[in-house]
Amino acid sequence: MYEVDRRYLLSALGSLTAAGLLPWRAGAAEVRPRNLIEDPRFPTPPFTLGVAAGDPDASGFVIWTRLAPLPLQPDGGMMMAPVLVAWEVAADPDFRQVLQRGETIAHPELAHSVHVEVAGLAPARPYWYRFTCGGERSAAGRGATLPPPGAPLDRVRFAVAGCQHYEEGYYTAWRHIAAEPIDFVFHYGDYIYEGPDRGEQPRGAKKPLVRRHLGHEIYSIGDYRQRYAQYKSDPDLQAAHAAAPWFVSFDDHEIDNNWAGDIDQDNTAPKVFRTRRAMAMQAYYEHMPLRRSSMPDGSHMQMYRGARFGDLMDAFFLDTRQYRSDQVYGDRDAAQGPDAFATDRSITGAPQEAWLFKGLDRSKARWNLIAQQVCLMNLNYHKAGQPEQLVSMDQWSGYMNSRRRLLAHIDAHCPGNVMTVSGDAHRHYAGDLIQDHGNGKVISSEYLATSISSGADGVGENDDYTRSSRAENPNLKALIDKRGYVLCDIARDAWRGDLKVLDTIATRNGTLTTHASFVTERGKPGLQRA
């Protein structure tokens, strides 16, 4: 893994050790609280939210679960005491060859979630894991270790997905992702949505809601925990978590729509908003397969991090929310005025940018992946009857100094081997990255994955926005408003991206097809139709 900012990590580890919440690394002896329940009894099986693996490296990965026998009830239906949980990792899916086993503690302070950092495994192979508690056993999940950095590797396959508004459709795409032979999933964000139950309210031309949120807009940690429990109860989402390890990032809706640093969209005082952000981040950590280096310290989480896939690919997972400057022009789509180019504004913050540039400079891999949350392409469009070209102020197009610096660095230091993936816009986009607008030099390319369910079934390509965007951005190669995911298949000399779409998510049996496929040759930036 690449080096990350240690200031918050050291502070967090010190406070957690004092609280008796560490260590979680497999094989380390955890201090047992006096009130530990070693053999609990549950009204129903406690593993209702499934299992997950994440943040793999060459020797192991994180395995996660949360005890919640009554997941939608306060505290998940759990007793308010720490509970002993056993785990095991096997070389085969039938657990005939168990390689490691141990015990960890599900603390009520962390919603009875557990994060075991399994280590000491062989590189470049799959493993299977499961949990036991109170005579109950979880479903099995599949994890996998990475090849050692620099080791010869011929292929990596991964899925890019996110934006899974529970009310607006079924998670059919996750069921298909679970069946894909992939090495990992990158979840770009919007794992939950913070809004209230909207009842039967339609949204413009979109179809009626197919499911309902519980309760009001979420603010307290209990609210956030219940919302995660509702989302994670979905069997298709659980299947995708159990099928492969994930690298996760949050975007805005895990906390509040379009938040930026210490600022929310409602003009809340920053100190007050940080309180909400701290609760939301704790709930996020409690429900994700993250290492303890990402455990929140107040309202901060260390989320930008890297991974190395042999000599084939170095991956950089960014955080474009915590360190960004506030959006300009009222955080609306607007003409790209001088404030969008201001040199004192950033979407990544200086330390994260320096970390990324240093990592790209040091990389000796054949490919580099930049995985982040929002559109990097600088896309114009027109609204009917308005003369101005508009761009989004919530994407990199609202932070042009950051965008110019990133593309200039790629062009100067690693031309022809950087690809980016992102999401958030509820449409598939595939296009080439150039400085500013027009027909400039192609520096890199981007796949922006559409949503899992946000936006309901969508309208396909038959809308004014699609027509305007395609006409005004010659670097944009594909654009469609349907649900699905991006599948990336990386070989030593070629990077292929498939835009997967579903005909419907209003029912559970939508048909999956490939809308478009592109290939980039190493050393030759730009997308070519496959």
Protein backbone atom coordinates (compact mmCIF):
# COMPACT_ATOMS: atom_id res chain seq x y z
CA MET A 1 0.00 0.00 0.00
CA TYR A 2 1.09 3.55 -0.62
CA GLU A 3 2.02 5.83 2.26
CA VAL A 4 -0.87 7.89 3.64
CA ASP A 5 -1.14 10.89 5.95
CA ARG A 6 -0.43 9.50 9.45
CA ARG A 7 -1.53 12.39 11.66
CA TYR A 8 -5.13 11.35 12.05
CA LEU A 9 -4.24 7.66 12.14
CA LEU A 10 -1.85 8.01 15.07
CA SER A 11 -4.37 10.04 17.03
CA ALA A 12 -7.12 7.53 16.35
CA LEU A 13 -5.00 4.51 17.26
CA GLY A 14 -3.98 6.08 20.55
CA SER A 15 -7.55 6.76 21.62
CA LEU A 16 -8.77 3.35 20.48
CA THR A 17 -6.04 1.47 22.29
CA ALA A 18 -6.93 3.32 25.48
CA ALA A 19 -10.55 2.33 24.96
CA GLY A 20 -9.66 -1.34 24.53
CA LEU A 21 -10.98 -1.44 20.95
CA LEU A 22 -7.72 -2.57 19.34
CA PRO A 23 -6.07 -4.59 17.96
CA TRP A 24 -8.15 -6.29 15.26
CA ARG A 25 -5.29 -7.85 13.31
CA ALA A 26 -5.67 -11.60 13.06
CA GLY A 27 -3.58 -13.43 15.63
CA ALA A 28 -3.28 -10.53 18.08
CA ALA A 29 -4.74 -10.97 21.55
CA GLU A 30 -7.62 -8.57 22.16
CA VAL A 31 -8.29 -7.32 25.67
CA ARG A 32 -11.50 -8.93 26.90
CA PRO A 33 -13.92 -6.55 28.62
CA ARG A 34 -15.31 -7.68 31.98
CA ASN A 35 -18.86 -7.62 30.60
CA LEU A 36 -18.02 -9.69 27.51
CA ILE A 37 -20.79 -12.09 26.46
CA GLU A 38 -19.07 -15.22 25.19
CA ASP A 39 -22.07 -17.39 24.34
CA PRO A 40 -25.04 -15.14 23.46
CA ARG A 41 -28.50 -16.29 22.44
CA PHE A 42 -30.39 -14.48 19.72
CA PRO A 43 -34.12 -14.25 18.92
CA THR A 44 -33.26 -14.75 15.23
CA PRO A 45 -29.93 -15.43 13.45
CA PRO A 46 -27.66 -12.39 13.88
CA PHE A 47 -25.96 -12.31 10.46
CA THR A 48 -28.84 -10.60 8.67
CA LEU A 49 -26.61 -8.00 6.97
CA GLY A 50 -24.29 -10.50 5.30
CA VAL A 51 -20.51 -10.55 5.16
CA ALA A 52 -17.89 -8.65 3.19
CA ALA A 53 -14.17 -8.55 2.41
CA GLY A 54 -12.20 -5.49 1.45
CA ASP A 55 -8.92 -3.61 1.05
CA PRO A 56 -6.88 -6.66 0.00
CA ASP A 57 -3.11 -6.71 -0.24
CA ALA A 58 -0.61 -9.46 -1.02
CA SER A 59 -0.90 -11.12 2.40
CA GLY A 60 -4.55 -10.70 3.36
CA PHE A 61 -7.69 -8.58 3.50
CA VAL A 62 -10.33 -7.29 5.89
CA ILE A 63 -13.32 -9.48 6.70
CA TRP A 64 -16.46 -7.80 8.02
CA THR A 65 -19.85 -8.55 9.47
CA ARG A 66 -22.28 -6.92 11.88
CA LEU A 67 -24.44 -8.70 14.44
CA ALA A 68 -28.03 -7.52 13.93
CA PRO A 69 -30.70 -10.14 14.68
CA LEU A 70 -33.41 -7.47 14.27
CA PRO A 71 -31.64 -5.15 11.83
CA LEU A 72 -34.28 -2.42 11.55
CA GLN A 73 -34.81 -2.14 15.28
CA PRO A 74 -32.80 0.23 17.49
CA ASP A 75 -29.29 -1.18 17.98
CA GLY A 76 -30.09 -4.00 15.56
CA GLY A 77 -31.88 -5.92 18.30
CA MET A 78 -28.59 -6.51 20.14
CA MET A 79 -27.90 -6.52 23.86
CA MET A 80 -25.81 -3.55 24.98
CA ALA A 81 -22.63 -5.43 25.78
CA PRO A 82 -19.58 -6.64 23.85
CA VAL A 83 -20.03 -10.05 22.23
CA LEU A 84 -17.45 -12.67 21.26
CA VAL A 85 -17.40 -13.61 17.54
CA ALA A 86 -15.37 -16.44 16.01
CA TRP A 87 -14.04 -16.36 12.45
CA GLU A 88 -12.22 -18.68 10.11
CA VAL A 89 -10.51 -18.48 6.72
CA ALA A 90 -10.22 -21.50 4.44
CA ALA A 91 -8.46 -22.44 1.22
CA ASP A 92 -11.66 -23.91 -0.24
CA PRO A 93 -15.34 -22.90 -0.34
CA ASP A 94 -16.37 -25.99 1.67
CA PHE A 95 -13.99 -25.17 4.54
CA ARG A 96 -12.32 -28.55 4.44
CA GLN A 97 -8.93 -26.83 4.73
CA VAL A 98 -9.24 -24.10 7.36
CA LEU A 99 -6.01 -22.10 7.39
CA GLN A 100 -6.73 -19.53 10.10
CA ARG A 101 -9.27 -19.14 12.83
CA GLY A 102 -9.64 -16.76 15.71
CA GLU A 103 -11.94 -14.67 17.89
CA THR A 104 -12.75 -11.00 17.89
CA ILE A 105 -15.11 -8.76 19.82
CA ALA A 106 -18.21 -7.04 18.45
CA HIS A 107 -18.43 -3.85 20.49
CA PRO A 108 -21.70 -1.96 21.02
CA GLU A 109 -19.73 1.26 20.47
CA LEU A 110 -19.31 0.10 16.85
CA ALA A 111 -22.86 -1.23 16.38
CA HIS A 112 -21.55 -4.78 17.00
CA SER A 113 -19.62 -4.74 13.75
CA VAL A 114 -16.31 -6.55 13.40
CA HIS A 115 -13.34 -5.81 11.14
CA VAL A 116 -10.70 -8.56 11.18
CA GLU A 117 -7.50 -7.80 9.28
CA VAL A 118 -6.46 -11.23 8.10
CA ALA A 119 -2.74 -11.50 7.31
CA GLY A 120 -0.14 -14.17 6.58
CA LEU A 121 -1.92 -15.66 3.57
CA ALA A 122 -0.34 -16.64 0.27
CA PRO A 123 -0.50 -14.00 -2.46
CA ALA A 124 -2.56 -14.03 -5.65
CA ARG A 125 -5.27 -16.51 -4.75
CA PRO A 126 -8.84 -16.69 -3.44
CA TYR A 127 -9.87 -17.61 0.10
CA TRP A 128 -13.20 -18.15 1.85
CA TYR A 129 -14.26 -16.84 5.25
CA ARG A 130 -17.19 -17.01 7.67
CA PHE A 131 -18.20 -16.06 11.21
CA THR A 132 -19.82 -17.89 14.15
CA CYS A 133 -21.56 -16.42 17.18
CA GLY A 134 -23.95 -17.88 19.76
CA GLY A 135 -24.32 -21.15 17.89
CA GLU A 136 -25.18 -19.31 14.65
CA ARG A 137 -23.03 -19.27 11.52
CA SER A 138 -22.86 -16.63 8.80
CA ALA A 139 -22.93 -17.23 5.09
CA ALA A 140 -19.51 -17.73 3.54
CA GLY A 141 -17.78 -14.98 1.62
CA ARG A 142 -14.95 -15.02 -0.89
CA GLY A 143 -11.88 -12.86 -0.46
CA ALA A 144 -8.64 -12.80 -2.45
CA THR A 145 -5.07 -11.66 -1.98
CA LEU A 146 -3.21 -9.52 -4.48
CA PRO A 147 -0.04 -10.56 -6.29
CA PRO A 148 3.14 -9.19 -4.70
CA PRO A 149 4.08 -5.71 -5.96
CA GLY A 150 6.13 -6.08 -9.11
CA ALA A 151 5.26 -9.74 -9.70
CA PRO A 152 4.37 -10.63 -13.31
CA LEU A 153 0.63 -10.43 -13.88
CA ASP A 154 -1.29 -10.79 -17.13
CA ARG A 155 -4.82 -9.70 -16.23
CA VAL A 156 -7.03 -7.81 -13.77
CA ARG A 157 -10.81 -7.54 -14.01
CA PHE A 158 -13.00 -5.30 -11.84
CA ALA A 159 -16.44 -3.72 -11.69
CA VAL A 160 -17.20 -0.04 -11.04
CA ALA A 161 -20.56 0.72 -9.42
CA GLY A 162 -22.42 2.93 -6.94
CA CYS A 163 -25.39 5.29 -6.45
CA GLN A 164 -27.89 2.78 -5.12
CA HIS A 165 -31.00 4.73 -4.08
CA TYR A 166 -33.11 2.12 -2.32
CA GLU A 167 -36.46 3.65 -3.20
CA GLU A 168 -35.90 3.98 -6.94
CA GLY A 169 -35.31 0.41 -8.03
CA TYR A 170 -34.10 -3.09 -7.34
CA TYR A 171 -30.43 -4.01 -7.08
CA THR A 172 -30.43 -6.29 -10.11
CA ALA A 173 -27.04 -4.97 -11.20
CA TRP A 174 -25.46 -6.24 -7.98
CA ARG A 175 -26.76 -9.73 -8.69
CA HIS A 176 -25.07 -9.62 -12.10
CA ILE A 177 -21.86 -8.25 -10.60
CA ALA A 178 -21.86 -11.15 -8.13
CA ALA A 179 -21.79 -13.53 -11.09
CA GLU A 180 -18.93 -11.76 -12.89
CA PRO A 181 -15.46 -13.40 -12.68
CA ILE A 182 -13.78 -10.29 -11.24
CA ASP A 183 -10.88 -9.58 -8.92
CA PHE A 184 -12.54 -6.72 -7.04
CA VAL A 185 -15.34 -4.15 -6.95
CA PHE A 186 -14.75 -0.42 -6.75
CA HIS A 187 -17.73 1.28 -5.11
CA TYR A 188 -17.40 4.97 -5.94
CA GLY A 189 -19.96 6.17 -3.38
CA ASP A 190 -23.58 6.96 -2.53
CA TYR A 191 -23.99 3.62 -0.81
CA ILE A 192 -27.02 5.03 0.99
CA TYR A 193 -29.21 8.10 0.49
CA GLU A 194 -29.96 10.33 3.43
CA GLY A 195 -33.41 11.60 2.42
CA PRO A 196 -36.77 10.79 4.04
CA ASP A 197 -39.41 8.34 2.94
CA ARG A 198 -41.07 10.08 -0.01
CA GLY A 199 -44.22 8.00 0.04
CA GLU A 200 -45.88 7.73 -3.34
CA GLN A 201 -44.29 10.95 -4.58
CA PRO A 202 -43.25 10.68 -8.26
CA ARG A 203 -40.03 12.37 -9.42
CA GLY A 204 -40.67 14.24 -12.64
CA ALA A 205 -40.93 11.80 -15.54
CA LYS A 206 -39.56 8.93 -13.49
CA LYS A 207 -41.67 5.97 -12.48
CA PRO A 208 -43.18 5.68 -8.99
CA LEU A 209 -40.91 4.49 -6.20
CA VAL A 210 -40.65 0.71 -5.92
CA ARG A 211 -39.45 0.64 -2.28
CA ARG A 212 -39.67 2.97 0.70
CA HIS A 213 -37.15 4.48 3.07
CA LEU A 214 -37.85 4.13 6.76
CA GLY A 215 -38.49 7.42 8.51
CA HIS A 216 -37.30 10.98 8.12
CA GLU A 217 -34.08 12.44 6.77
CA ILE A 218 -31.27 10.89 8.77
CA TYR A 219 -29.17 12.93 11.21
CA SER A 220 -28.34 10.84 14.29
CA ILE A 221 -26.03 7.85 14.42
CA GLY A 222 -29.06 5.66 15.11
CA ASP A 223 -30.68 7.01 11.94
CA TYR A 224 -27.61 6.28 9.84
CA ARG A 225 -27.24 2.78 11.28
CA GLN A 226 -30.86 1.95 10.51
CA ARG A 227 -30.51 3.25 6.94
CA TYR A 228 -27.43 1.08 6.35
CA ALA A 229 -29.27 -1.90 7.80
CA GLN A 230 -32.17 -1.33 5.43
CA TYR A 231 -29.88 -1.11 2.40
CA LYS A 232 -27.63 -4.01 3.43
CA SER A 233 -30.63 -6.29 3.99
CA ASP A 234 -30.98 -6.50 0.21
CA PRO A 235 -29.98 -10.03 -0.96
CA ASP A 236 -28.48 -8.88 -4.27
CA LEU A 237 -26.18 -6.41 -2.54
CA GLN A 238 -25.19 -9.09 -0.02
CA ALA A 239 -24.38 -11.47 -2.88
CA ALA A 240 -22.04 -8.96 -4.51
CA HIS A 241 -20.24 -8.34 -1.20
CA ALA A 242 -19.80 -12.07 -0.64
CA ALA A 243 -18.50 -12.73 -4.16
CA ALA A 244 -15.32 -10.60 -4.25
CA PRO A 245 -13.32 -8.10 -2.19
CA TRP A 246 -14.27 -4.42 -2.44
CA PHE A 247 -12.47 -1.11 -2.37
CA VAL A 248 -15.02 1.44 -1.15
CA SER A 249 -15.21 5.23 -1.20
CA PHE A 250 -17.94 7.55 0.00
CA ASP A 251 -19.30 10.46 -1.99
CA ASP A 252 -21.97 12.87 -0.74
CA HIS A 253 -25.18 11.01 0.14
CA GLU A 254 -23.52 8.93 2.84
CA ILE A 255 -23.65 12.22 4.76
CA ASP A 256 -25.62 14.94 2.95
CA ASN A 257 -26.15 15.91 -0.68
CA ASN A 258 -23.21 17.81 -2.26
CA TRP A 259 -21.37 18.49 0.98
CA ALA A 260 -17.89 19.98 0.62
CA GLY A 261 -15.39 19.87 3.46
CA ASP A 262 -17.10 21.44 6.48
CA ILE A 263 -20.00 22.89 4.49
CA ASP A 264 -23.39 21.37 3.73
CA GLN A 265 -26.11 22.50 1.34
CA ASP A 266 -28.35 23.94 4.07
CA ASN A 267 -26.03 26.67 5.39
CA THR A 268 -25.57 24.80 8.66
CA ALA A 269 -22.83 26.15 10.92
CA PRO A 270 -19.63 24.16 10.16
CA LYS A 271 -19.20 23.04 13.79
CA VAL A 272 -22.73 21.65 13.79
CA PHE A 273 -22.30 19.99 10.40
CA ARG A 274 -19.07 18.34 11.58
CA THR A 275 -21.10 16.67 14.33
CA ARG A 276 -23.44 15.15 11.75
CA ARG A 277 -20.47 14.21 9.58
CA ALA A 278 -18.78 12.44 12.49
CA MET A 279 -21.86 10.31 13.15
CA ALA A 280 -22.31 9.53 9.46
CA MET A 281 -18.66 8.54 9.08
CA GLN A 282 -18.78 6.26 12.09
CA ALA A 283 -21.85 4.51 10.68
CA TYR A 284 -20.13 4.24 7.29
CA TYR A 285 -17.07 2.62 8.87
CA GLU A 286 -19.26 0.27 10.89
CA HIS A 287 -20.82 -1.11 7.70
CA MET A 288 -17.83 -1.29 5.34
CA PRO A 289 -14.91 -3.75 5.06
CA LEU A 290 -12.30 -1.11 5.88
CA ARG A 291 -8.99 -1.36 7.69
CA ARG A 292 -8.51 0.32 11.04
CA SER A 293 -6.41 2.99 9.28
CA SER A 294 -9.76 4.29 7.96
CA MET A 295 -11.55 4.33 11.32
CA PRO A 296 -12.93 7.86 11.88
CA ASP A 297 -11.19 10.30 14.18
CA GLY A 298 -14.06 12.64 14.91
CA SER A 299 -15.34 14.01 11.62
CA HIS A 300 -12.33 12.83 9.60
CA MET A 301 -11.63 9.48 7.88
CA GLN A 302 -8.45 8.48 6.07
CA MET A 303 -9.94 7.27 2.80
CA TYR A 304 -7.43 7.97 0.05
CA ARG A 305 -5.20 4.95 -0.30
CA GLY A 306 -3.58 2.71 -2.89
CA ALA A 307 -3.11 -0.90 -3.95
CA ARG A 308 -0.64 -2.68 -6.20
CA PHE A 309 -1.57 -5.49 -8.54
CA GLY A 310 1.75 -7.12 -9.38
CA ASP A 311 3.52 -5.35 -12.22
CA LEU A 312 0.28 -4.79 -14.12
CA MET A 313 -1.59 -2.01 -12.29
CA ASP A 314 -1.15 0.47 -9.48
CA ALA A 315 -4.48 1.78 -8.15
CA PHE A 316 -5.09 5.12 -6.43
CA PHE A 317 -8.43 5.51 -4.63
CA LEU A 318 -9.21 9.19 -4.05
CA ASP A 319 -11.40 11.19 -1.67
CA THR A 320 -12.96 14.18 -3.42
CA ARG A 321 -15.29 15.27 -0.57
CA GLN A 322 -13.40 15.81 2.69
CA TYR A 323 -10.79 18.23 1.38
CA ARG A 324 -12.61 20.10 -1.39
CA SER A 325 -13.32 23.81 -1.44
CA ASP A 326 -16.96 24.83 -1.41
CA GLN A 327 -18.74 24.75 -4.77
CA VAL A 328 -19.04 28.10 -6.54
CA TYR A 329 -22.02 29.74 -8.27
CA GLY A 330 -24.48 28.43 -5.72
CA ASP A 331 -23.54 24.78 -6.44
CA ARG A 332 -25.65 24.73 -9.59
CA ASP A 333 -24.86 23.95 -13.21
CA ALA A 334 -23.55 27.26 -14.53
CA ALA A 335 -21.33 28.92 -17.09
CA GLN A 336 -17.69 28.27 -16.30
CA GLY A 337 -16.69 31.66 -14.93
CA PRO A 338 -13.40 32.73 -13.32
CA ASP A 339 -14.26 31.31 -9.89
CA ALA A 340 -14.21 27.80 -11.36
CA PHE A 341 -10.56 28.42 -12.37
CA ALA A 342 -9.42 30.04 -9.10
CA THR A 343 -5.99 28.79 -8.04
CA ASP A 344 -6.87 28.83 -4.32
CA ARG A 345 -9.60 26.20 -4.78
CA SER A 346 -9.08 22.43 -4.82
CA ILE A 347 -11.16 19.27 -5.08
CA THR A 348 -8.50 17.02 -3.49
CA GLY A 349 -6.58 19.27 -1.12
CA ALA A 350 -2.82 19.75 -1.38
CA PRO A 351 -1.66 16.74 0.72
CA GLN A 352 -3.79 14.26 -1.23
CA GLU A 353 -2.72 15.75 -4.55
CA ALA A 354 0.95 15.47 -3.53
CA TRP A 355 0.38 11.83 -2.46
CA LEU A 356 -1.20 11.02 -5.82
CA PHE A 357 1.48 12.76 -7.88
CA LYS A 358 4.24 11.06 -5.87
CA GLY A 359 2.59 7.68 -6.36
CA LEU A 360 2.23 8.18 -10.11
CA ASP A 361 5.87 9.28 -10.34
CA ARG A 362 7.09 6.17 -8.51
CA SER A 363 4.83 3.69 -10.29
CA LYS A 364 6.56 1.11 -12.46
CA ALA A 365 3.33 -0.72 -13.31
CA ARG A 366 2.17 -1.04 -16.89
CA TRP A 367 -1.11 0.74 -15.99
CA ASN A 368 -2.21 3.24 -13.37
CA LEU A 369 -5.82 3.48 -12.19
CA ILE A 370 -7.25 6.64 -10.64
CA ALA A 371 -10.55 5.65 -9.01
CA GLN A 372 -12.62 8.51 -7.63
CA GLN A 373 -16.11 9.86 -7.16
CA VAL A 374 -17.15 12.48 -9.72
CA CYS A 375 -16.77 13.23 -13.42
CA LEU A 376 -13.29 14.30 -14.51
CA MET A 377 -14.34 15.11 -18.08
CA ASN A 378 -15.12 18.80 -18.56
CA LEU A 379 -18.48 18.52 -20.33
CA ASN A 380 -20.58 21.39 -21.72
CA TYR A 381 -24.26 21.24 -22.45
CA HIS A 382 -27.12 23.64 -23.22
CA LYS A 383 -30.55 23.84 -21.68
CA ALA A 384 -33.31 24.54 -24.15
CA GLY A 385 -33.83 28.26 -24.64
CA GLN A 386 -30.64 29.29 -22.80
CA PRO A 387 -27.62 30.67 -24.70
CA GLU A 388 -24.96 29.79 -22.12
CA GLN A 389 -22.95 26.60 -22.09
CA LEU A 390 -23.32 24.99 -18.68
CA VAL A 391 -21.08 22.70 -16.63
CA SER A 392 -21.47 21.06 -13.20
CA MET A 393 -19.91 22.92 -10.29
CA ASP A 394 -19.95 19.73 -8.17
CA GLN A 395 -17.59 17.88 -10.53
CA TRP A 396 -13.97 18.52 -11.53
CA SER A 397 -15.35 21.09 -14.01
CA GLY A 398 -15.98 23.33 -10.99
CA TYR A 399 -12.36 22.91 -9.84
CA MET A 400 -10.42 23.61 -13.01
CA ASN A 401 -7.11 24.37 -11.29
CA SER A 402 -7.13 20.87 -9.77
CA ARG A 403 -8.14 19.37 -13.10
CA ARG A 404 -5.44 21.20 -15.07
CA ARG A 405 -2.77 20.18 -12.57
CA LEU A 406 -3.78 16.52 -12.63
CA LEU A 407 -3.92 16.23 -16.40
CA ALA A 408 -0.65 18.15 -16.80
CA HIS A 409 1.04 15.79 -14.36
CA ILE A 410 -0.26 12.70 -16.16
CA ASP A 411 0.86 14.12 -19.50
CA ALA A 412 4.35 14.95 -18.23
CA HIS A 413 5.10 11.94 -16.05
CA CYS A 414 3.05 8.91 -17.15
CA PRO A 415 1.55 9.47 -20.59
CA GLY A 416 -0.36 6.60 -22.10
CA ASN A 417 -0.83 4.40 -19.06
CA VAL A 418 -3.33 6.21 -16.79
CA MET A 419 -7.06 5.46 -16.81
CA THR A 420 -9.72 6.97 -14.57
CA VAL A 421 -13.05 5.65 -13.31
CA SER A 422 -15.77 7.56 -11.49
CA GLY A 423 -19.52 7.82 -10.97
CA ASP A 424 -22.20 9.98 -9.32
CA ALA A 425 -23.92 11.26 -12.50
CA HIS A 426 -26.50 8.42 -12.88
CA ARG A 427 -25.52 7.86 -16.51
CA HIS A 428 -22.81 5.95 -18.30
CA TYR A 429 -20.17 8.22 -19.78
CA ALA A 430 -17.08 7.12 -21.69
CA GLY A 431 -14.72 9.69 -23.09
CA ASP A 432 -11.25 11.09 -23.50
CA LEU A 433 -9.62 13.60 -21.18
CA ILE A 434 -8.23 16.80 -22.68
CA GLN A 435 -7.28 20.10 -21.10
CA ASP A 436 -10.27 22.44 -20.86
CA HIS A 437 -12.60 22.08 -23.90
CA GLY A 438 -12.52 21.37 -27.61
CA ASN A 439 -10.34 19.06 -29.67
CA GLY A 440 -7.14 19.21 -27.67
CA LYS A 441 -4.51 16.56 -27.10
CA VAL A 442 -5.89 13.34 -25.57
CA ILE A 443 -4.10 12.82 -22.24
CA SER A 444 -6.09 9.98 -20.67
CA SER A 445 -9.62 8.52 -20.68
CA GLU A 446 -12.47 8.07 -18.23
CA TYR A 447 -15.23 5.58 -17.61
CA LEU A 448 -18.00 7.05 -15.49
CA ALA A 449 -20.25 4.25 -14.26
CA THR A 450 -23.98 4.80 -14.14
CA SER A 451 -26.02 4.13 -11.03
CA ILE A 452 -27.19 0.82 -9.60
CA SER A 453 -30.69 2.21 -9.05
CA SER A 454 -30.66 6.00 -8.66
CA GLY A 455 -32.76 7.56 -11.41
CA ALA A 456 -35.15 4.61 -11.79
CA ASP A 457 -35.21 3.02 -15.25
CA GLY A 458 -33.93 6.14 -17.01
CA VAL A 459 -34.68 7.37 -20.52
CA GLY A 460 -31.87 5.84 -22.55
CA GLU A 461 -30.40 8.25 -25.10
CA ASN A 462 -33.59 10.05 -26.07
CA ASP A 463 -33.36 13.27 -24.08
CA ASP A 464 -32.18 16.84 -24.60
CA TYR A 465 -29.23 16.55 -22.21
CA THR A 466 -27.78 13.55 -24.06
CA ARG A 467 -28.20 15.13 -27.46
CA SER A 468 -26.65 18.42 -26.34
CA SER A 469 -23.75 16.75 -24.52
CA ARG A 470 -22.87 14.51 -27.46
CA ALA A 471 -23.03 17.41 -29.90
CA GLU A 472 -20.90 19.81 -27.84
CA ASN A 473 -18.18 17.45 -26.56
CA PRO A 474 -16.33 15.65 -29.33
CA ASN A 475 -14.23 13.80 -26.75
CA LEU A 476 -17.38 12.12 -25.33
CA LYS A 477 -17.70 8.68 -26.94
CA ALA A 478 -20.77 7.25 -25.17
CA LEU A 479 -23.58 8.52 -22.94
CA ILE A 480 -26.74 6.72 -21.81
CA ASP A 481 -29.25 7.14 -18.99
CA LYS A 482 -29.81 3.53 -17.92
CA ARG A 483 -28.83 1.57 -14.80
CA GLY A 484 -25.91 -0.85 -14.60
CA TYR A 485 -22.13 -0.87 -14.07
CA VAL A 486 -18.78 -0.69 -15.87
CA LEU A 487 -16.66 -3.80 -16.29
CA CYS A 488 -12.93 -3.16 -16.80
CA ASP A 489 -10.67 -5.89 -18.20
CA ILE A 490 -6.95 -5.01 -18.14
CA ALA A 491 -4.29 -6.90 -20.05
CA ARG A 492 -0.64 -5.98 -20.36
CA ASP A 493 -1.09 -3.90 -23.49
CA ALA A 494 -4.80 -3.11 -23.61
CA TRP A 495 -7.53 -1.78 -21.27
CA ARG A 496 -11.10 -2.72 -22.17
CA GLY A 497 -14.22 -1.14 -20.69
CA ASP A 498 -17.75 -2.51 -21.11
CA LEU A 499 -20.78 -0.33 -20.28
CA LYS A 500 -23.36 -2.76 -18.88
CA VAL A 501 -27.01 -1.67 -18.82
CA LEU A 502 -30.34 -3.08 -17.64
CA ASP A 503 -33.61 -2.61 -19.48
CA THR A 504 -35.49 -2.18 -16.18
CA ILE A 505 -34.98 -2.13 -12.43
CA ALA A 506 -38.66 -1.57 -11.67
CA THR A 507 -38.93 -5.36 -11.45
CA ARG A 508 -36.34 -7.87 -10.31
CA ASN A 509 -35.80 -9.63 -13.64
CA GLY A 510 -34.25 -6.94 -15.81
CA THR A 511 -32.18 -8.01 -18.80
CA LEU A 512 -28.49 -7.08 -18.87
CA THR A 513 -26.78 -6.06 -22.12
CA THR A 514 -23.60 -4.27 -23.15
CA HIS A 515 -24.34 -0.77 -24.42
CA ALA A 516 -20.83 -0.09 -25.71
CA SER A 517 -17.27 -1.36 -25.38
CA PHE A 518 -13.98 0.50 -25.81
CA VAL A 519 -10.30 -0.41 -25.81
CA THR A 520 -7.25 1.70 -25.04
CA GLU A 521 -3.81 0.55 -26.15
CA ARG A 522 -1.01 1.13 -23.68
CA GLY A 523 1.04 4.11 -24.81
CA LYS A 524 -1.75 5.42 -27.05
CA PRO A 525 -4.20 7.52 -24.99
CA GLY A 526 -7.80 7.47 -26.15
CA LEU A 527 -10.82 5.19 -26.39
CA GLN A 528 -11.40 3.12 -29.50
CA ARG A 529 -14.60 1.19 -30.18
CA ALA A 530 -14.09 -2.50 -29.48
